Amino acid sequence: MAVAPESLKRRVSKLVLFSGRARRAAAWISAVSVAIVLWSSPGSAIPLNAGQGSITYDVAVWGAFGLTLNNTIGASGNALPVLSATGEDLLDTVGDGALNPQPLTLNPVGFDVTPDPRRDAPPTSFTYDASSPAALLASAAGDISLAGVSRWSVDPLLGGGQLVFGDYSLAYNGTLGQWEITNGIDFQVVTFLLGNAQVTTGPNGAFTVSGDLIGTASLGLLIPGAGGMDLGSFTFSAVPEPGTALLFAGGLAALAATRRRKRLD
C-alpha cells in the first residue's frame, strides 16, 4: 500500500522519539542498578582496604602504674627494629612526640612489618558485611592491622627503662562476642578489649567501631593491676574505596542526567 509523504514523516518522527525514549530508559535502568548494587549489598562480605584508627590514653591511670608516655611512632616506624646495636630503633627514635590521641594508620592488605623477630604484626585480612551493625558482627573475619607504636618511660622506683606497645591488630572474636586488640611487639597477646563497644555502618562499606580501652588479664601479667582497668578509649573508621565512591557517584549522576533529559523532552 502506498504511503503519503506527510504520513511517512510522522511515522519516522514517532520512531525516532520512541528510540530516544528507549535509550533513556535503558540508561535509567543501568544507573539505578549501579546505585542499588553499590549502596547496599546485603549478605556479601568485602575486604577492608582503607581506614584510620586512634587510641586516647588516660595518662592519669597509666601514671598510677608508673608509666609516662614519652613518644608515639607512626607508620614510618614499621621499618625499625625494636632494639639495634647500631642505628635507629624504636627505643631511641625521635618519633612523632607524645601524641595523645595516638593516630593508628591501617597497614595495607598484604603488607608485612619489618622482619625483626621481635615484631609480629599480621597483615590486614579483615572482611565484613556493612549492610548493618548486626551483619558486620556476624560476618567479621580476619585482622585489621594498625601501624603505630607507643613508648613509655618506667618509673625508676619500678626499675626504670622503657616499654613499647604497638603493631596492633583489631579483630572481632565472634565466639566470645568481643572486639580484641592484640599487641604484636615481643609477644602476640590480646592486650586490650573494647568495653561498651559501639558499631555503626554506612554506604559503600563504611563502618566505625569504638569503645573503652580495657586492659586484659595478659596485660596484667606485665603491668600488675592493669587487668580490667579502663586505660583510655579507641576508635577505628573504615572509609569507602575512592573507586567505589566515584562509581557510585557516577551512577547517581547518570540517573540525574536521564531525569533532566526527560523533563526537557
Protein backbone atom coordinates (compact mmCIF):
# COMPACT_ATOMS: atom_id res chain seq x y z
CA MET A 1 0.00 0.00 0.00
CA ALA A 2 1.31 3.46 -0.93
CA VAL A 3 2.01 5.94 1.93
CA ALA A 4 1.63 9.69 1.58
CA PRO A 5 4.86 11.66 2.19
CA GLU A 6 3.45 13.56 5.23
CA SER A 7 2.24 10.29 6.79
CA LEU A 8 5.70 8.80 6.31
CA LYS A 9 7.31 11.78 8.07
CA ARG A 10 5.01 11.36 11.05
CA ARG A 11 5.88 7.66 11.28
CA VAL A 12 9.64 8.36 11.15
CA SER A 13 9.27 11.11 13.76
CA LYS A 14 7.44 8.74 16.12
CA LEU A 15 10.07 6.05 15.54
CA VAL A 16 12.91 8.46 16.43
CA LEU A 17 11.06 9.66 19.53
CA PHE A 18 10.44 6.06 20.64
CA SER A 19 14.09 5.16 20.06
CA GLY A 20 15.26 8.12 22.16
CA ARG A 21 12.94 7.18 25.00
CA ALA A 22 14.15 3.58 24.85
CA ARG A 23 17.76 4.68 25.16
CA ARG A 24 16.95 6.94 28.11
CA ALA A 25 15.01 4.16 29.78
CA ALA A 26 17.94 1.76 29.36
CA ALA A 27 20.34 4.36 30.80
CA TRP A 28 17.97 5.00 33.72
CA ILE A 29 17.73 1.27 34.50
CA SER A 30 21.51 0.93 34.29
CA ALA A 31 22.10 3.90 36.59
CA VAL A 32 19.59 2.65 39.14
CA SER A 33 21.14 -0.82 39.03
CA VAL A 34 24.63 0.59 39.70
CA ALA A 35 23.35 2.77 42.54
CA ILE A 36 21.44 -0.08 44.18
CA VAL A 37 24.33 -2.54 43.93
CA LEU A 38 26.84 -0.06 45.37
CA TRP A 39 24.54 1.38 48.02
CA SER A 40 23.75 -1.91 49.67
CA SER A 41 24.74 -5.48 49.02
CA PRO A 42 23.30 -7.40 51.99
CA GLY A 43 24.99 -10.67 52.72
CA SER A 44 28.15 -10.04 50.68
CA ALA A 45 31.43 -9.72 52.57
CA ILE A 46 34.01 -7.27 51.23
CA PRO A 47 37.70 -6.78 52.11
CA LEU A 48 38.82 -3.80 54.19
CA ASN A 49 41.16 -1.57 52.17
CA ALA A 50 41.13 1.88 53.79
CA GLY A 51 40.68 3.27 57.27
CA GLN A 52 42.15 5.11 60.24
CA GLY A 53 42.19 4.46 63.98
CA SER A 54 43.32 6.17 67.16
CA ILE A 55 43.94 5.50 70.84
CA THR A 56 43.38 8.11 73.53
CA TYR A 57 45.31 7.17 76.66
CA ASP A 58 44.11 8.05 80.14
CA VAL A 59 47.55 9.27 81.20
CA ALA A 60 46.49 9.56 84.85
CA VAL A 61 45.63 5.85 85.02
CA TRP A 62 48.83 4.85 83.20
CA GLY A 63 50.76 7.16 85.52
CA ALA A 64 49.34 5.32 88.53
CA PHE A 65 51.11 2.22 87.18
CA GLY A 66 54.40 4.13 86.93
CA LEU A 67 54.26 4.72 83.16
CA THR A 68 54.62 8.03 81.35
CA LEU A 69 54.03 8.36 77.62
CA ASN A 70 57.23 9.75 76.07
CA ASN A 71 56.69 9.12 72.35
CA THR A 72 54.43 7.76 69.66
CA ILE A 73 55.81 6.39 66.40
CA GLY A 74 53.70 6.21 63.25
CA ALA A 75 53.89 4.14 60.07
CA SER A 76 57.44 5.35 59.44
CA GLY A 77 58.47 3.16 62.37
CA ASN A 78 57.43 0.00 60.52
CA ALA A 79 60.95 -0.25 59.14
CA LEU A 80 62.69 -0.05 62.53
CA PRO A 81 63.78 -2.90 64.77
CA VAL A 82 62.80 -2.86 68.43
CA LEU A 83 66.43 -2.68 69.53
CA SER A 84 69.59 -2.41 67.49
CA ALA A 85 73.26 -2.30 68.49
CA THR A 86 73.81 0.24 65.73
CA GLY A 87 71.39 2.57 64.00
CA GLU A 88 67.96 3.88 64.85
CA ASP A 89 65.41 1.67 66.61
CA LEU A 90 62.05 2.00 68.36
CA LEU A 91 63.67 2.68 71.73
CA ASP A 92 65.64 5.72 70.59
CA THR A 93 63.85 7.13 67.52
CA VAL A 94 62.72 10.75 67.67
CA GLY A 95 59.26 9.63 66.57
CA ASP A 96 56.31 12.00 66.41
CA GLY A 97 56.25 13.19 70.02
CA ALA A 98 53.86 12.05 72.73
CA LEU A 99 50.70 12.35 70.62
CA ASN A 100 47.51 11.69 72.55
CA PRO A 101 45.27 10.66 70.83
CA GLN A 102 47.77 8.47 69.01
CA PRO A 103 46.95 8.03 65.29
CA LEU A 104 46.91 4.44 64.04
CA THR A 105 47.21 4.00 60.27
CA LEU A 106 45.82 0.94 58.52
CA ASN A 107 48.59 -1.26 57.14
CA PRO A 108 47.63 -2.10 53.54
CA VAL A 109 46.42 -5.58 52.69
CA GLY A 110 49.39 -7.89 52.23
CA PHE A 111 51.85 -5.50 53.89
CA ASP A 112 54.25 -7.07 56.39
CA VAL A 113 56.05 -5.14 59.13
CA THR A 114 59.86 -5.33 59.19
CA PRO A 115 61.18 -8.90 59.57
CA ASP A 116 62.60 -8.07 63.03
CA PRO A 117 61.85 -11.25 65.02
CA ARG A 118 60.58 -9.10 67.90
CA ARG A 119 57.80 -7.64 65.72
CA ASP A 120 54.96 -9.85 64.57
CA ALA A 121 52.07 -7.79 63.21
CA PRO A 122 49.74 -9.80 60.95
CA PRO A 123 48.81 -8.32 57.56
CA THR A 124 45.36 -6.77 57.19
CA SER A 125 42.94 -9.51 56.19
CA PHE A 126 39.61 -8.20 57.50
CA THR A 127 36.42 -8.97 55.56
CA TYR A 128 32.93 -7.90 56.55
CA ASP A 129 29.36 -7.10 55.51
CA ALA A 130 28.50 -3.48 56.37
CA SER A 131 24.81 -3.61 55.46
CA SER A 132 24.03 -3.26 59.19
CA PRO A 133 25.89 -3.40 62.53
CA ALA A 134 24.43 -6.85 63.20
CA ALA A 135 25.56 -8.10 59.78
CA LEU A 136 29.05 -6.73 60.38
CA LEU A 137 29.40 -8.57 63.69
CA ALA A 138 28.05 -11.77 62.17
CA SER A 139 30.40 -11.66 59.17
CA ALA A 140 33.58 -10.07 60.60
CA ALA A 141 36.64 -12.21 59.92
CA GLY A 142 40.40 -11.65 59.89
CA ASP A 143 42.61 -8.88 61.27
CA ILE A 144 42.76 -5.11 60.96
CA SER A 145 46.49 -4.36 61.10
CA LEU A 146 47.34 -0.93 62.52
CA ALA A 147 50.68 0.87 62.25
CA GLY A 148 51.70 2.70 65.39
CA VAL A 149 53.91 2.22 68.45
CA SER A 150 53.66 3.91 71.84
CA ARG A 151 56.76 4.24 74.04
CA TRP A 152 56.56 4.62 77.80
CA SER A 153 59.09 5.63 80.44
CA VAL A 154 59.02 3.39 83.51
CA ASP A 155 59.25 4.99 86.95
CA PRO A 156 62.80 4.48 88.31
CA LEU A 157 61.25 3.18 91.53
CA LEU A 158 59.83 0.33 89.42
CA GLY A 159 63.08 -0.44 87.66
CA GLY A 160 63.24 2.34 85.07
CA GLY A 161 63.75 1.82 81.36
CA GLN A 162 61.13 1.90 78.63
CA LEU A 163 58.21 -0.21 77.43
CA VAL A 164 56.90 -0.23 73.87
CA PHE A 165 53.49 -1.38 72.71
CA GLY A 166 52.20 -1.49 69.17
CA ASP A 167 51.91 -3.34 65.87
CA TYR A 168 48.30 -3.66 66.97
CA SER A 169 45.71 -5.78 65.24
CA LEU A 170 41.99 -5.35 65.81
CA ALA A 171 39.69 -8.34 65.39
CA TYR A 172 36.20 -9.39 66.41
CA ASN A 173 36.02 -12.60 68.43
CA GLY A 174 32.61 -13.94 67.45
CA THR A 175 32.84 -16.84 69.89
CA LEU A 176 33.27 -14.52 72.87
CA GLY A 177 31.33 -11.63 71.34
CA GLN A 178 34.09 -9.05 71.86
CA TRP A 179 36.47 -6.78 69.97
CA GLU A 180 40.11 -7.53 70.79
CA ILE A 181 43.31 -5.55 70.26
CA THR A 182 46.46 -7.65 70.07
CA ASN A 183 49.96 -6.28 70.70
CA GLY A 184 52.49 -7.58 68.15
CA ILE A 185 55.76 -6.47 69.73
CA ASP A 186 57.84 -9.10 71.55
CA PHE A 187 54.83 -11.34 72.16
CA GLN A 188 51.48 -11.65 70.41
CA VAL A 189 48.80 -11.46 73.05
CA VAL A 190 45.39 -9.84 73.37
CA THR A 191 46.33 -6.71 75.31
CA PHE A 192 43.05 -4.76 75.31
CA LEU A 193 39.35 -5.40 74.93
CA LEU A 194 36.82 -2.80 73.78
CA GLY A 195 34.39 -2.11 76.57
CA ASN A 196 30.98 -0.60 75.74
CA ALA A 197 31.79 -1.19 72.07
CA GLN A 198 29.71 0.75 69.57
CA VAL A 199 29.44 -0.17 65.87
CA THR A 200 27.90 1.92 63.12
CA THR A 201 27.69 1.16 59.39
CA GLY A 202 27.16 3.26 56.29
CA PRO A 203 27.13 3.04 52.49
CA ASN A 204 29.96 1.64 50.36
CA GLY A 205 31.45 -0.43 53.18
CA ALA A 206 31.92 2.41 55.67
CA PHE A 207 31.80 1.50 59.35
CA THR A 208 33.12 2.64 62.72
CA VAL A 209 33.89 0.72 65.88
CA SER A 210 34.75 2.44 69.16
CA GLY A 211 34.88 1.73 72.85
CA ASP A 212 36.78 1.89 76.12
CA LEU A 213 40.32 0.53 76.21
CA ILE A 214 40.15 -2.22 78.83
CA GLY A 215 43.32 -3.99 79.94
CA THR A 216 43.22 -7.79 79.72
CA ALA A 217 44.49 -10.34 82.25
CA SER A 218 47.50 -10.83 79.96
CA LEU A 219 48.38 -7.14 80.24
CA GLY A 220 48.01 -7.53 83.99
CA LEU A 221 50.90 -10.01 83.96
CA LEU A 222 53.17 -7.29 82.57
CA ILE A 223 51.62 -4.37 84.47
CA PRO A 224 50.21 -5.70 87.77
CA GLY A 225 46.75 -4.31 88.40
CA ALA A 226 46.09 -3.22 84.78
CA GLY A 227 43.81 -6.17 84.02
CA GLY A 228 40.20 -4.98 83.86
CA MET A 229 41.18 -1.30 84.12
CA ASP A 230 39.81 1.38 81.79
CA LEU A 231 43.01 2.77 80.25
CA GLY A 232 41.51 5.15 77.68
CA SER A 233 39.46 4.86 74.51
CA PHE A 234 39.81 3.51 70.99
CA THR A 235 38.16 4.17 67.66
CA PHE A 236 38.54 2.87 64.11
CA SER A 237 36.74 4.07 60.98
CA ALA A 238 36.72 2.32 57.64
CA VAL A 239 36.16 4.54 54.63
CA PRO A 240 34.85 3.66 51.16
CA GLU A 241 37.38 2.95 48.45
CA PRO A 242 37.70 6.04 46.18
CA GLY A 243 36.98 3.98 43.05
CA THR A 244 33.78 2.60 44.56
CA ALA A 245 32.65 6.01 45.74
CA LEU A 246 33.29 7.53 42.30
CA LEU A 247 31.45 4.70 40.56
CA PHE A 248 28.50 5.17 42.90
CA ALA A 249 28.53 8.92 42.26
CA GLY A 250 28.73 8.25 38.53
CA GLY A 251 25.65 6.04 38.74
CA LEU A 252 23.70 8.76 40.51
CA ALA A 253 24.92 11.38 38.05
CA ALA A 254 23.74 9.26 35.12
CA LEU A 255 20.39 8.83 36.84
CA ALA A 256 20.06 12.58 37.37
CA ALA A 257 21.03 13.26 33.75
CA THR A 258 18.33 10.95 32.40
CA ARG A 259 15.77 12.69 34.58
CA ARG A 260 16.87 16.11 33.30
CA ARG A 261 16.62 14.92 29.68
CA LYS A 262 13.17 13.53 30.37
CA ARG A 263 11.99 16.91 31.70
CA LEU A 264 13.40 18.67 28.63
CA ASP A 265 11.50 16.29 26.38
